[in-house]
Amino acid sequence: MVGVLLLLGLMPLAAGELLAQLCGNGGNYTANGTYQSNFAGIAATLPSNTSSSPDLFATATAGQAPDAVYALALCRGDVPNATA
C-alpha cells in the first residue's frame, strides 16, 4: 500500500484541457418556458459573479423543480480571457 501511494506521488499531473462540460440529454423543455428563463438568468450572471469572487469560483441556483437550474463555475488561470 505504501509503495502504491509513493508511486502515485511521482506521477506527473495532467494539464487541464476541459473548458466546459454538459451532462445529461434528458428532459423535454418548452421553448420560452420557465426552465429556459432560469437558465438564461444564470448564464447572464454566473460569469461576472465568478470572475469577481475572491476564489474565482461561484455557484448559482434558479427556480424550483422541475424547472430548477444548478450551475457552478471556476475561472482558470491557465486559459486566456475570451474575446467577443
PDB file of N, CA and C in Angstrom:
ATOM      1  N   MET A   1       0.826  -1.189   0.000  1.00  0.00           N
ATOM      2  CA  MET A   1       0.000   0.000   0.000  1.00  0.00           C
ATOM      3  C   MET A   1       0.866   1.246   0.000  1.00  0.00           C
ATOM      4  N   VAL A   2       1.920   1.264   0.810  1.00  0.00           N
ATOM      5  CA  VAL A   2       2.803   2.423   0.864  1.00  0.00           C
ATOM      6  C   VAL A   2       3.487   2.625  -0.482  1.00  0.00           C
ATOM      7  N   GLY A   3       3.878   1.525  -1.123  1.00  0.00           N
ATOM      8  CA  GLY A   3       4.514   1.612  -2.433  1.00  0.00           C
ATOM      9  C   GLY A   3       3.603   2.237  -3.475  1.00  0.00           C
ATOM     10  N   VAL A   4       2.331   1.881  -3.437  1.00  0.00           N
ATOM     11  CA  VAL A   4       1.364   2.445  -4.377  1.00  0.00           C
ATOM     12  C   VAL A   4       1.221   3.938  -4.148  1.00  0.00           C
ATOM     13  N   LEU A   5       1.126   4.350  -2.901  1.00  0.00           N
ATOM     14  CA  LEU A   5       0.997   5.769  -2.594  1.00  0.00           C
ATOM     15  C   LEU A   5       2.224   6.544  -3.042  1.00  0.00           C
ATOM     16  N   LEU A   6       3.406   5.969  -2.863  1.00  0.00           N
ATOM     17  CA  LEU A   6       4.621   6.636  -3.305  1.00  0.00           C
ATOM     18  C   LEU A   6       4.653   6.774  -4.818  1.00  0.00           C
ATOM     19  N   LEU A   7       4.240   5.739  -5.536  1.00  0.00           N
ATOM     20  CA  LEU A   7       4.212   5.812  -6.990  1.00  0.00           C
ATOM     21  C   LEU A   7       3.220   6.854  -7.473  1.00  0.00           C
ATOM     22  N   LEU A   8       2.073   6.944  -6.830  1.00  0.00           N
ATOM     23  CA  LEU A   8       1.089   7.944  -7.219  1.00  0.00           C
ATOM     24  C   LEU A   8       1.642   9.347  -7.018  1.00  0.00           C
ATOM     25  N   GLY A   9       2.447   9.536  -5.995  1.00  0.00           N
ATOM     26  CA  GLY A   9       3.041  10.839  -5.741  1.00  0.00           C
ATOM     27  C   GLY A   9       4.069  11.234  -6.777  1.00  0.00           C
ATOM     28  N   LEU A  10       4.629  10.271  -7.500  1.00  0.00           N
ATOM     29  CA  LEU A  10       5.638  10.555  -8.512  1.00  0.00           C
ATOM     30  C   LEU A  10       5.055  10.775  -9.901  1.00  0.00           C
ATOM     31  N   MET A  11       3.785  10.475 -10.080  1.00  0.00           N
ATOM     32  CA  MET A  11       3.159  10.619 -11.386  1.00  0.00           C
ATOM     33  C   MET A  11       2.933  12.096 -11.691  1.00  0.00           C
ATOM     34  N   PRO A  12       3.246  12.539 -12.910  1.00  0.00           N
ATOM     35  CA  PRO A  12       3.022  13.946 -13.256  1.00  0.00           C
ATOM     36  C   PRO A  12       1.531  14.240 -13.370  1.00  0.00           C
ATOM     37  N   LEU A  13       1.168  15.452 -13.030  1.00  0.00           N
ATOM     38  CA  LEU A  13      -0.220  15.866 -13.160  1.00  0.00           C
ATOM     39  C   LEU A  13      -0.504  16.205 -14.612  1.00  0.00           C
ATOM     40  N   ALA A  14      -1.658  15.814 -15.078  1.00  0.00           N
ATOM     41  CA  ALA A  14      -2.046  16.121 -16.450  1.00  0.00           C
ATOM     42  C   ALA A  14      -2.447  17.586 -16.557  1.00  0.00           C
ATOM     43  N   ALA A  15      -2.127  18.200 -17.669  1.00  0.00           N
ATOM     44  CA  ALA A  15      -2.512  19.592 -17.895  1.00  0.00           C
ATOM     45  C   ALA A  15      -4.011  19.667 -18.128  1.00  0.00           C
ATOM     46  N   GLY A  16      -4.643  20.693 -17.600  1.00  0.00           N
ATOM     47  CA  GLY A  16      -6.082  20.866 -17.770  1.00  0.00           C
ATOM     48  C   GLY A  16      -6.417  21.253 -19.196  1.00  0.00           C
ATOM     49  N   GLU A  17      -7.370  20.598 -19.775  1.00  0.00           N
ATOM     50  CA  GLU A  17      -7.791  20.896 -21.131  1.00  0.00           C
ATOM     51  C   GLU A  17      -9.283  21.184 -21.215  1.00  0.00           C
ATOM     52  N   LEU A  18     -10.062  20.590 -20.339  1.00  0.00           N
ATOM     53  CA  LEU A  18     -11.505  20.691 -20.417  1.00  0.00           C
ATOM     54  C   LEU A  18     -11.952  22.088 -20.032  1.00  0.00           C
ATOM     55  N   LEU A  19     -12.668  22.762 -20.901  1.00  0.00           N
ATOM     56  CA  LEU A  19     -13.154  24.107 -20.620  1.00  0.00           C
ATOM     57  C   LEU A  19     -14.647  24.146 -20.359  1.00  0.00           C
ATOM     58  N   ALA A  20     -15.354  23.108 -20.719  1.00  0.00           N
ATOM     59  CA  ALA A  20     -16.794  23.079 -20.489  1.00  0.00           C
ATOM     60  C   ALA A  20     -17.257  21.635 -20.416  1.00  0.00           C
ATOM     61  N   GLN A  21     -18.319  21.414 -19.693  1.00  0.00           N
ATOM     62  CA  GLN A  21     -18.893  20.079 -19.580  1.00  0.00           C
ATOM     63  C   GLN A  21     -20.406  20.214 -19.562  1.00  0.00           C
ATOM     64  N   LEU A  22     -21.075  19.406 -20.340  1.00  0.00           N
ATOM     65  CA  LEU A  22     -22.527  19.387 -20.358  1.00  0.00           C
ATOM     66  C   LEU A  22     -22.955  17.970 -20.044  1.00  0.00           C
ATOM     67  N   CYS A  23     -23.723  17.800 -18.993  1.00  0.00           N
ATOM     68  CA  CYS A  23     -24.138  16.469 -18.570  1.00  0.00           C
ATOM     69  C   CYS A  23     -25.629  16.286 -18.779  1.00  0.00           C
ATOM     70  N   GLY A  24     -25.980  15.179 -19.337  1.00  0.00           N
ATOM     71  CA  GLY A  24     -27.383  14.807 -19.451  1.00  0.00           C
ATOM     72  C   GLY A  24     -28.050  15.380 -20.686  1.00  0.00           C
ATOM     73  N   ASN A  25     -28.772  14.530 -21.360  1.00  0.00           N
ATOM     74  CA  ASN A  25     -29.545  14.942 -22.521  1.00  0.00           C
ATOM     75  C   ASN A  25     -31.031  14.743 -22.282  1.00  0.00           C
ATOM     76  N   GLY A  26     -31.386  14.311 -21.072  1.00  0.00           N
ATOM     77  CA  GLY A  26     -32.774  14.009 -20.785  1.00  0.00           C
ATOM     78  C   GLY A  26     -33.609  15.252 -20.594  1.00  0.00           C
ATOM     79  N   GLY A  27     -34.872  15.078 -20.705  1.00  0.00           N
ATOM     80  CA  GLY A  27     -35.786  16.185 -20.463  1.00  0.00           C
ATOM     81  C   GLY A  27     -36.366  16.720 -21.754  1.00  0.00           C
ATOM     82  N   ASN A  28     -37.527  17.274 -21.626  1.00  0.00           N
ATOM     83  CA  ASN A  28     -38.217  17.884 -22.749  1.00  0.00           C
ATOM     84  C   ASN A  28     -38.713  19.230 -22.257  1.00  0.00           C
ATOM     85  N   TYR A  29     -38.038  20.289 -22.662  1.00  0.00           N
ATOM     86  CA  TYR A  29     -38.351  21.606 -22.137  1.00  0.00           C
ATOM     87  C   TYR A  29     -38.979  22.474 -23.210  1.00  0.00           C
ATOM     88  N   THR A  30     -39.975  23.214 -22.819  1.00  0.00           N
ATOM     89  CA  THR A  30     -40.712  24.081 -23.721  1.00  0.00           C
ATOM     90  C   THR A  30     -39.898  25.327 -24.052  1.00  0.00           C
ATOM     91  N   ALA A  31     -39.876  25.683 -25.329  1.00  0.00           N
ATOM     92  CA  ALA A  31     -39.206  26.918 -25.732  1.00  0.00           C
ATOM     93  C   ALA A  31     -39.880  28.093 -25.037  1.00  0.00           C
ATOM     94  N   ASN A  32     -39.074  29.035 -24.581  1.00  0.00           N
ATOM     95  CA  ASN A  32     -39.556  30.226 -23.870  1.00  0.00           C
ATOM     96  C   ASN A  32     -40.277  29.874 -22.577  1.00  0.00           C
ATOM     97  N   GLY A  33     -39.968  28.722 -22.011  1.00  0.00           N
ATOM     98  CA  GLY A  33     -40.598  28.280 -20.770  1.00  0.00           C
ATOM     99  C   GLY A  33     -39.811  28.709 -19.548  1.00  0.00           C
ATOM    100  N   THR A  34     -40.247  28.231 -18.395  1.00  0.00           N
ATOM    101  CA  THR A  34     -39.633  28.581 -17.119  1.00  0.00           C
ATOM    102  C   THR A  34     -38.192  28.104 -17.036  1.00  0.00           C
ATOM    103  N   TYR A  35     -37.923  26.883 -17.485  1.00  0.00           N
ATOM    104  CA  TYR A  35     -36.551  26.368 -17.442  1.00  0.00           C
ATOM    105  C   TYR A  35     -35.617  27.248 -18.266  1.00  0.00           C
ATOM    106  N   GLN A  36     -36.038  27.601 -19.466  1.00  0.00           N
ATOM    107  CA  GLN A  36     -35.205  28.441 -20.325  1.00  0.00           C
ATOM    108  C   GLN A  36     -34.951  29.799 -19.677  1.00  0.00           C
ATOM    109  N   SER A  37     -35.938  30.353 -19.037  1.00  0.00           N
ATOM    110  CA  SER A  37     -35.779  31.630 -18.340  1.00  0.00           C
ATOM    111  C   SER A  37     -34.790  31.504 -17.185  1.00  0.00           C
ATOM    112  N   ASN A  38     -34.915  30.426 -16.405  1.00  0.00           N
ATOM    113  CA  ASN A  38     -33.978  30.187 -15.299  1.00  0.00           C
ATOM    114  C   ASN A  38     -32.554  30.014 -15.821  1.00  0.00           C
ATOM    115  N   PHE A  39     -32.417  29.263 -16.891  1.00  0.00           N
ATOM    116  CA  PHE A  39     -31.105  29.023 -17.487  1.00  0.00           C
ATOM    117  C   PHE A  39     -30.491  30.325 -17.996  1.00  0.00           C
ATOM    118  N   ALA A  40     -31.283  31.126 -18.678  1.00  0.00           N
ATOM    119  CA  ALA A  40     -30.782  32.395 -19.218  1.00  0.00           C
ATOM    120  C   ALA A  40     -30.337  33.333 -18.103  1.00  0.00           C
ATOM    121  N   GLY A  41     -31.070  33.343 -16.999  1.00  0.00           N
ATOM    122  CA  GLY A  41     -30.693  34.193 -15.874  1.00  0.00           C
ATOM    123  C   GLY A  41     -29.349  33.805 -15.289  1.00  0.00           C
ATOM    124  N   ILE A  42     -29.136  32.513 -15.108  1.00  0.00           N
ATOM    125  CA  ILE A  42     -27.851  32.045 -14.575  1.00  0.00           C
ATOM    126  C   ILE A  42     -26.736  32.287 -15.586  1.00  0.00           C
ATOM    127  N   ALA A  43     -26.991  32.015 -16.844  1.00  0.00           N
ATOM    128  CA  ALA A  43     -25.965  32.207 -17.873  1.00  0.00           C
ATOM    129  C   ALA A  43     -25.539  33.668 -17.978  1.00  0.00           C
ATOM    130  N   ALA A  44     -26.441  34.581 -17.674  1.00  0.00           N
ATOM    131  CA  ALA A  44     -26.123  36.006 -17.759  1.00  0.00           C
ATOM    132  C   ALA A  44     -25.313  36.496 -16.567  1.00  0.00           C
ATOM    133  N   THR A  45     -25.512  35.901 -15.395  1.00  0.00           N
ATOM    134  CA  THR A  45     -24.870  36.425 -14.183  1.00  0.00           C
ATOM    135  C   THR A  45     -23.683  35.606 -13.683  1.00  0.00           C
ATOM    136  N   LEU A  46     -23.643  34.329 -13.978  1.00  0.00           N
ATOM    137  CA  LEU A  46     -22.594  33.472 -13.414  1.00  0.00           C
ATOM    138  C   LEU A  46     -21.171  33.878 -13.823  1.00  0.00           C
ATOM    139  N   PRO A  47     -20.905  34.226 -15.071  1.00  0.00           N
ATOM    140  CA  PRO A  47     -19.525  34.611 -15.412  1.00  0.00           C
ATOM    141  C   PRO A  47     -19.005  35.802 -14.606  1.00  0.00           C
ATOM    142  N   SER A  48     -19.801  36.842 -14.446  1.00  0.00           N
ATOM    143  CA  SER A  48     -19.323  38.004 -13.686  1.00  0.00           C
ATOM    144  C   SER A  48     -19.240  37.701 -12.199  1.00  0.00           C
ATOM    145  N   ASN A  49     -20.165  36.891 -11.688  1.00  0.00           N
ATOM    146  CA  ASN A  49     -20.086  36.501 -10.275  1.00  0.00           C
ATOM    147  C   ASN A  49     -18.824  35.689 -10.008  1.00  0.00           C
ATOM    148  N   THR A  50     -18.450  34.862 -10.956  1.00  0.00           N
ATOM    149  CA  THR A  50     -17.261  34.021 -10.794  1.00  0.00           C
ATOM    150  C   THR A  50     -15.989  34.852 -10.853  1.00  0.00           C
ATOM    151  N   SER A  51     -15.879  35.694 -11.850  1.00  0.00           N
ATOM    152  CA  SER A  51     -14.645  36.466 -12.020  1.00  0.00           C
ATOM    153  C   SER A  51     -14.454  37.514 -10.937  1.00  0.00           C
ATOM    154  N   SER A  52     -15.529  37.913 -10.256  1.00  0.00           N
ATOM    155  CA  SER A  52     -15.396  38.918  -9.197  1.00  0.00           C
ATOM    156  C   SER A  52     -15.262  38.305  -7.804  1.00  0.00           C
ATOM    157  N   SER A  53     -15.379  36.986  -7.687  1.00  0.00           N
ATOM    158  CA  SER A  53     -15.246  36.357  -6.372  1.00  0.00           C
ATOM    159  C   SER A  53     -13.769  36.189  -6.023  1.00  0.00           C
ATOM    160  N   PRO A  54     -13.409  36.283  -4.742  1.00  0.00           N
ATOM    161  CA  PRO A  54     -12.002  36.138  -4.339  1.00  0.00           C
ATOM    162  C   PRO A  54     -11.394  34.787  -4.730  1.00  0.00           C
ATOM    163  N   ASP A  55     -12.211  33.741  -4.734  1.00  0.00           N
ATOM    164  CA  ASP A  55     -11.729  32.397  -5.067  1.00  0.00           C
ATOM    165  C   ASP A  55     -11.857  32.072  -6.550  1.00  0.00           C
ATOM    166  N   LEU A  56     -12.421  33.006  -7.321  1.00  0.00           N
ATOM    167  CA  LEU A  56     -12.702  32.781  -8.742  1.00  0.00           C
ATOM    168  C   LEU A  56     -13.569  31.544  -8.948  1.00  0.00           C
ATOM    169  N   PHE A  57     -14.507  31.327  -8.028  1.00  0.00           N
ATOM    170  CA  PHE A  57     -15.417  30.184  -8.054  1.00  0.00           C
ATOM    171  C   PHE A  57     -16.794  30.673  -7.637  1.00  0.00           C
ATOM    172  N   ALA A  58     -17.835  30.188  -8.275  1.00  0.00           N
ATOM    173  CA  ALA A  58     -19.189  30.590  -7.897  1.00  0.00           C
ATOM    174  C   ALA A  58     -20.169  29.466  -8.205  1.00  0.00           C
ATOM    175  N   THR A  59     -21.252  29.443  -7.455  1.00  0.00           N
ATOM    176  CA  THR A  59     -22.362  28.533  -7.712  1.00  0.00           C
ATOM    177  C   THR A  59     -23.629  29.363  -7.820  1.00  0.00           C
ATOM    178  N   ALA A  60     -24.630  28.796  -8.464  1.00  0.00           N
ATOM    179  CA  ALA A  60     -25.898  29.503  -8.607  1.00  0.00           C
ATOM    180  C   ALA A  60     -27.029  28.497  -8.718  1.00  0.00           C
ATOM    181  N   THR A  61     -28.190  28.909  -8.263  1.00  0.00           N
ATOM    182  CA  THR A  61     -29.412  28.122  -8.376  1.00  0.00           C
ATOM    183  C   THR A  61     -30.528  29.068  -8.784  1.00  0.00           C
ATOM    184  N   ALA A  62     -31.362  28.628  -9.700  1.00  0.00           N
ATOM    185  CA  ALA A  62     -32.505  29.440 -10.106  1.00  0.00           C
ATOM    186  C   ALA A  62     -33.715  28.536 -10.261  1.00  0.00           C
ATOM    187  N   GLY A  63     -34.844  28.984  -9.749  1.00  0.00           N
ATOM    188  CA  GLY A  63     -36.094  28.263  -9.917  1.00  0.00           C
ATOM    189  C   GLY A  63     -36.266  27.100  -8.964  1.00  0.00           C
ATOM    190  N   GLN A  64     -37.376  26.420  -9.161  1.00  0.00           N
ATOM    191  CA  GLN A  64     -37.727  25.258  -8.353  1.00  0.00           C
ATOM    192  C   GLN A  64     -38.025  24.086  -9.279  1.00  0.00           C
ATOM    193  N   ALA A  65     -37.857  22.870  -8.757  1.00  0.00           N
ATOM    194  CA  ALA A  65     -38.106  21.656  -9.539  1.00  0.00           C
ATOM    195  C   ALA A  65     -39.530  21.695 -10.081  1.00  0.00           C
ATOM    196  N   PRO A  66     -39.753  21.228 -11.253  1.00  0.00           N
ATOM    197  CA  PRO A  66     -38.832  20.524 -12.149  1.00  0.00           C
ATOM    198  C   PRO A  66     -38.051  21.460 -13.078  1.00  0.00           C
ATOM    199  N   ASP A  67     -38.188  22.757 -12.892  1.00  0.00           N
ATOM    200  CA  ASP A  67     -37.526  23.716 -13.775  1.00  0.00           C
ATOM    201  C   ASP A  67     -36.292  24.355 -13.154  1.00  0.00           C
ATOM    202  N   ALA A  68     -35.765  23.742 -12.096  1.00  0.00           N
ATOM    203  CA  ALA A  68     -34.598  24.300 -11.413  1.00  0.00           C
ATOM    204  C   ALA A  68     -33.344  24.151 -12.275  1.00  0.00           C
ATOM    205  N   VAL A  69     -32.472  25.134 -12.165  1.00  0.00           N
ATOM    206  CA  VAL A  69     -31.184  25.117 -12.855  1.00  0.00           C
ATOM    207  C   VAL A  69     -30.107  25.290 -11.799  1.00  0.00           C
ATOM    208  N   TYR A  70     -29.113  24.421 -11.823  1.00  0.00           N
ATOM    209  CA  TYR A  70     -27.989  24.476 -10.895  1.00  0.00           C
ATOM    210  C   TYR A  70     -26.721  24.651 -11.724  1.00  0.00           C
ATOM    211  N   ALA A  71     -25.853  25.531 -11.278  1.00  0.00           N
ATOM    212  CA  ALA A  71     -24.627  25.781 -12.038  1.00  0.00           C
ATOM    213  C   ALA A  71     -23.470  26.055 -11.101  1.00  0.00           C
ATOM    214  N   LEU A  72     -22.276  25.764 -11.585  1.00  0.00           N
ATOM    215  CA  LEU A  72     -21.062  26.162 -10.881  1.00  0.00           C
ATOM    216  C   LEU A  72     -20.032  26.525 -11.927  1.00  0.00           C
ATOM    217  N   ALA A  73     -19.135  27.427 -11.535  1.00  0.00           N
ATOM    218  CA  ALA A  73     -18.124  27.901 -12.478  1.00  0.00           C
ATOM    219  C   ALA A  73     -16.824  28.167 -11.753  1.00  0.00           C
ATOM    220  N   LEU A  74     -15.742  28.016 -12.476  1.00  0.00           N
ATOM    221  CA  LEU A  74     -14.406  28.261 -11.952  1.00  0.00           C
ATOM    222  C   LEU A  74     -13.598  28.961 -13.033  1.00  0.00           C
ATOM    223  N   CYS A  75     -13.023  30.115 -12.698  1.00  0.00           N
ATOM    224  CA  CYS A  75     -12.103  30.783 -13.620  1.00  0.00           C
ATOM    225  C   CYS A  75     -10.752  30.111 -13.499  1.00  0.00           C
ATOM    226  N   ARG A  76     -10.165  29.769 -14.636  1.00  0.00           N
ATOM    227  CA  ARG A  76      -8.879  29.076 -14.641  1.00  0.00           C
ATOM    228  C   ARG A  76      -7.763  30.029 -15.018  1.00  0.00           C
ATOM    229  N   GLY A  77      -6.652  29.926 -14.323  1.00  0.00           N
ATOM    230  CA  GLY A  77      -5.513  30.778 -14.593  1.00  0.00           C
ATOM    231  C   GLY A  77      -4.697  30.367 -15.800  1.00  0.00           C
ATOM    232  N   ASP A  78      -4.927  29.151 -16.323  1.00  0.00           N
ATOM    233  CA  ASP A  78      -4.129  28.667 -17.448  1.00  0.00           C
ATOM    234  C   ASP A  78      -4.799  28.887 -18.794  1.00  0.00           C
ATOM    235  N   VAL A  79      -5.892  29.652 -18.810  1.00  0.00           N
ATOM    236  CA  VAL A  79      -6.636  29.895 -20.036  1.00  0.00           C
ATOM    237  C   VAL A  79      -6.759  31.405 -20.229  1.00  0.00           C
ATOM    238  N   PRO A  80      -6.445  31.922 -21.414  1.00  0.00           N
ATOM    239  CA  PRO A  80      -6.564  33.366 -21.623  1.00  0.00           C
ATOM    240  C   PRO A  80      -8.022  33.809 -21.605  1.00  0.00           C
ATOM    241  N   ASN A  81      -8.243  35.086 -21.347  1.00  0.00           N
ATOM    242  CA  ASN A  81      -9.592  35.640 -21.354  1.00  0.00           C
ATOM    243  C   ASN A  81     -10.208  35.484 -22.731  1.00  0.00           C
ATOM    244  N   ALA A  82     -11.509  35.199 -22.760  1.00  0.00           N
ATOM    245  CA  ALA A  82     -12.226  35.086 -24.023  1.00  0.00           C
ATOM    246  C   ALA A  82     -12.477  36.484 -24.572  1.00  0.00           C
ATOM    247  N   THR A  83     -12.486  36.597 -25.884  1.00  0.00           N
ATOM    248  CA  THR A  83     -12.809  37.873 -26.508  1.00  0.00           C
ATOM    249  C   THR A  83     -14.006  37.680 -27.403  1.00  0.00           C
ATOM    250  N   ALA A  84     -14.841  38.681 -27.440  1.00  0.00           N
ATOM    251  CA  ALA A  84     -16.059  38.584 -28.251  1.00  0.00           C
ATOM    252  C   ALA A  84     -15.843  39.189 -29.614  1.00  0.00           C
TER     253      ALA A  84
END
